[in-house]
Amino acid sequence: MEAIIPIEERTVVSNQSKTRMYKVDFGKVHWGRNGETEYAVYIRVVLLKNGQMRYKNYAAYILVTPGKDGKSDLDNVLE
């Protein structure tokens, strides 16, 4: 089981739905093998439900379809 030490976090709102966000974190990850600690970017999907944030711990499917501004969610996450 990995241990995560967050260093920086950003919230990116989806271009497709204002109730969907990506929590993009940068931090140290300790994988629990051989004492290895590495830096990594990890993403969680957050959905708003009745004004409350609901974290979803599943693979973050980052949408690549452009929104009205011509940028995709992937563009925003990478930015």
Protein backbone atom coordinates (compact mmCIF):
# COMPACT_ATOMS: atom_id res chain seq x y z
CA MET A 1 0.00 0.00 0.00
CA GLU A 2 1.40 3.38 -0.96
CA ALA A 3 1.73 6.37 1.34
CA ILE A 4 1.26 9.78 -0.23
CA ILE A 5 2.81 12.98 1.03
CA PRO A 6 1.13 15.84 -0.86
CA ILE A 7 3.23 18.87 -1.80
CA GLU A 8 0.84 20.84 -3.98
CA GLU A 9 -2.82 20.49 -4.99
CA ARG A 10 -4.90 22.17 -7.68
CA THR A 11 -8.59 21.91 -8.50
CA VAL A 12 -9.53 21.94 -12.17
CA VAL A 13 -13.21 22.39 -13.12
CA SER A 14 -14.42 20.32 -16.07
CA ASN A 15 -15.36 22.08 -19.30
CA GLN A 16 -18.12 19.51 -19.74
CA SER A 17 -19.87 19.79 -16.38
CA LYS A 18 -19.53 22.28 -13.54
CA THR A 19 -20.33 19.48 -11.08
CA ARG A 20 -17.22 17.52 -12.12
CA MET A 21 -13.72 18.52 -11.04
CA TYR A 22 -10.28 17.01 -11.02
CA LYS A 23 -8.10 17.22 -7.92
CA VAL A 24 -4.57 17.23 -9.32
CA ASP A 25 -1.91 16.59 -6.70
CA PHE A 26 1.86 16.54 -6.81
CA GLY A 27 3.72 14.82 -4.06
CA LYS A 28 5.95 12.08 -2.79
CA VAL A 29 4.72 8.52 -3.02
CA HIS A 30 6.21 5.76 -0.89
CA TRP A 31 5.38 2.50 -2.64
CA GLY A 32 6.22 0.28 0.35
CA ARG A 33 8.86 -1.68 -1.50
CA ASN A 34 12.60 -1.33 -0.96
CA GLY A 35 12.03 1.98 0.83
CA GLU A 36 11.51 3.74 -2.51
CA THR A 37 10.01 7.21 -2.47
CA GLU A 38 9.28 8.90 -5.78
CA TYR A 39 7.66 12.13 -6.91
CA ALA A 40 4.41 11.68 -8.81
CA VAL A 41 1.34 13.48 -10.14
CA TYR A 42 -1.92 11.84 -9.11
CA ILE A 43 -5.49 12.76 -9.90
CA ARG A 44 -8.84 12.15 -8.23
CA VAL A 45 -12.21 12.88 -9.72
CA VAL A 46 -14.55 14.98 -7.55
CA LEU A 47 -18.26 15.30 -8.15
CA LEU A 48 -20.49 17.93 -6.56
CA LYS A 49 -23.74 16.58 -5.19
CA ASN A 50 -26.12 18.95 -3.42
CA GLY A 51 -23.25 21.41 -3.05
CA GLN A 52 -21.04 18.83 -1.30
CA MET A 53 -17.80 17.44 -2.71
CA ARG A 54 -17.87 13.70 -3.22
CA TYR A 55 -14.48 12.15 -3.93
CA LYS A 56 -14.45 9.26 -6.34
CA ASN A 57 -11.53 6.91 -5.96
CA TYR A 58 -11.61 5.40 -9.40
CA ALA A 59 -9.38 5.93 -12.38
CA ALA A 60 -9.55 9.56 -13.47
CA TYR A 61 -10.91 9.58 -16.98
CA ILE A 62 -9.83 13.02 -18.11
CA LEU A 63 -12.05 14.21 -20.95
CA VAL A 64 -10.37 15.28 -24.19
CA THR A 65 -13.46 16.73 -25.89
CA PRO A 66 -13.10 20.51 -26.27
CA GLY A 67 -15.49 22.70 -24.30
CA LYS A 68 -16.99 26.01 -25.42
CA ASP A 69 -13.63 27.71 -24.96
CA GLY A 70 -11.97 25.22 -27.32
CA LYS A 71 -9.93 23.61 -24.52
CA SER A 72 -10.42 20.11 -23.18
CA ASP A 73 -10.26 19.03 -19.56
CA LEU A 74 -6.89 17.43 -20.38
CA ASP A 75 -5.61 20.83 -21.58
CA ASN A 76 -6.72 22.38 -18.29
CA VAL A 77 -5.18 19.61 -16.16
CA LEU A 78 -1.85 19.82 -17.99
CA GLU A 79 -1.86 23.60 -17.72
